[in-house]
Amino acid sequence: MRDGEAVLTDGPYIEGTEIANGFYVITTDDRDSAIRLASQIPASAVQLRQLTGVSGF
C-alpha cells in the first residue's frame, strides 16, 4: 500500500528491460570439465552448480 492505494509489481526485483538472464544445463564427468565448458560462455560472470541427485558434475 502506498498513499492508501495498492501497488502492484511484477516481482521482487526492480523493472529492467536491459537485463538478460538464462541458464545452461550441461553434463560433464567432473568439475574441471565444467569449468572448461563455462569458460567458453561469453558473459561477465558464470556460476557453476551441481544438481542434487545427478551423477557427474
C-alpha atoms as a PDB file:
ATOM      1  CA  MET A   1       0.000   0.000   0.000  1.00  0.00           C
ATOM      2  CA  ARG A   2       1.223   3.450  -0.843  1.00  0.00           C
ATOM      3  CA  ASP A   3      -0.839   6.528  -0.004  1.00  0.00           C
ATOM      4  CA  GLY A   4      -3.827   4.285   0.649  1.00  0.00           C
ATOM      5  CA  GLU A   5      -3.664   2.543  -2.742  1.00  0.00           C
ATOM      6  CA  ALA A   6      -2.448  -0.937  -3.629  1.00  0.00           C
ATOM      7  CA  VAL A   7       0.860  -1.039  -5.506  1.00  0.00           C
ATOM      8  CA  LEU A   8       1.499  -3.965  -7.858  1.00  0.00           C
ATOM      9  CA  THR A   9       4.928  -5.035  -9.096  1.00  0.00           C
ATOM     10  CA  ASP A  10       5.924  -7.877 -11.415  1.00  0.00           C
ATOM     11  CA  GLY A  11       8.198  -9.423  -8.801  1.00  0.00           C
ATOM     12  CA  PRO A  12      10.696  -8.768  -6.048  1.00  0.00           C
ATOM     13  CA  TYR A  13      13.149  -7.133  -8.465  1.00  0.00           C
ATOM     14  CA  ILE A  14      13.212  -3.683  -9.969  1.00  0.00           C
ATOM     15  CA  GLU A  15      11.903  -3.414 -13.506  1.00  0.00           C
ATOM     16  CA  GLY A  16      14.626  -3.600 -16.085  1.00  0.00           C
ATOM     17  CA  THR A  17      14.372  -4.114 -19.798  1.00  0.00           C
ATOM     18  CA  GLU A  18      18.134  -4.234 -20.375  1.00  0.00           C
ATOM     19  CA  ILE A  19      18.777  -7.373 -18.329  1.00  0.00           C
ATOM     20  CA  ALA A  20      19.033 -10.800 -19.956  1.00  0.00           C
ATOM     21  CA  ASN A  21      19.307 -13.918 -17.821  1.00  0.00           C
ATOM     22  CA  GLY A  22      19.394 -17.571 -18.641  1.00  0.00           C
ATOM     23  CA  PHE A  23      20.979 -20.859 -17.770  1.00  0.00           C
ATOM     24  CA  TYR A  24      22.621 -23.859 -19.354  1.00  0.00           C
ATOM     25  CA  VAL A  25      22.273 -27.449 -18.170  1.00  0.00           C
ATOM     26  CA  ILE A  26      25.415 -29.376 -19.053  1.00  0.00           C
ATOM     27  CA  THR A  27      26.613 -32.882 -18.255  1.00  0.00           C
ATOM     28  CA  THR A  28      30.296 -33.454 -17.571  1.00  0.00           C
ATOM     29  CA  ASP A  29      32.347 -36.057 -15.753  1.00  0.00           C
ATOM     30  CA  ASP A  30      33.983 -33.623 -13.333  1.00  0.00           C
ATOM     31  CA  ARG A  31      34.263 -30.027 -12.170  1.00  0.00           C
ATOM     32  CA  ASP A  32      37.313 -29.245 -14.323  1.00  0.00           C
ATOM     33  CA  SER A  33      35.404 -30.204 -17.478  1.00  0.00           C
ATOM     34  CA  ALA A  34      32.510 -27.986 -16.395  1.00  0.00           C
ATOM     35  CA  ILE A  35      34.919 -25.075 -15.857  1.00  0.00           C
ATOM     36  CA  ARG A  36      36.398 -25.570 -19.337  1.00  0.00           C
ATOM     37  CA  LEU A  37      32.923 -25.502 -20.889  1.00  0.00           C
ATOM     38  CA  ALA A  38      31.842 -22.486 -18.825  1.00  0.00           C
ATOM     39  CA  SER A  39      34.936 -20.555 -19.878  1.00  0.00           C
ATOM     40  CA  GLN A  40      33.578 -20.572 -23.443  1.00  0.00           C
ATOM     41  CA  ILE A  41      30.371 -18.728 -22.461  1.00  0.00           C
ATOM     42  CA  PRO A  42      30.635 -15.041 -23.436  1.00  0.00           C
ATOM     43  CA  ALA A  43      29.422 -13.457 -20.193  1.00  0.00           C
ATOM     44  CA  SER A  44      30.867 -11.381 -17.422  1.00  0.00           C
ATOM     45  CA  ALA A  45      30.054 -13.947 -14.730  1.00  0.00           C
ATOM     46  CA  VAL A  46      29.132 -17.629 -14.724  1.00  0.00           C
ATOM     47  CA  GLN A  47      28.090 -19.714 -11.731  1.00  0.00           C
ATOM     48  CA  LEU A  48      28.574 -23.480 -11.718  1.00  0.00           C
ATOM     49  CA  ARG A  49      26.192 -25.502  -9.588  1.00  0.00           C
ATOM     50  CA  GLN A  50      25.952 -29.249  -9.320  1.00  0.00           C
ATOM     51  CA  LEU A  51      22.423 -30.646  -9.444  1.00  0.00           C
ATOM     52  CA  THR A  52      21.428 -32.742  -6.456  1.00  0.00           C
ATOM     53  CA  GLY A  53      20.755 -36.375  -7.195  1.00  0.00           C
ATOM     54  CA  VAL A  54      22.529 -36.349 -10.565  1.00  0.00           C
ATOM     55  CA  SER A  55      25.718 -38.294 -11.227  1.00  0.00           C
ATOM     56  CA  GLY A  56      28.725 -36.472 -12.662  1.00  0.00           C
ATOM     57  CA  PHE A  57      29.195 -32.777 -12.189  1.00  0.00           C
END
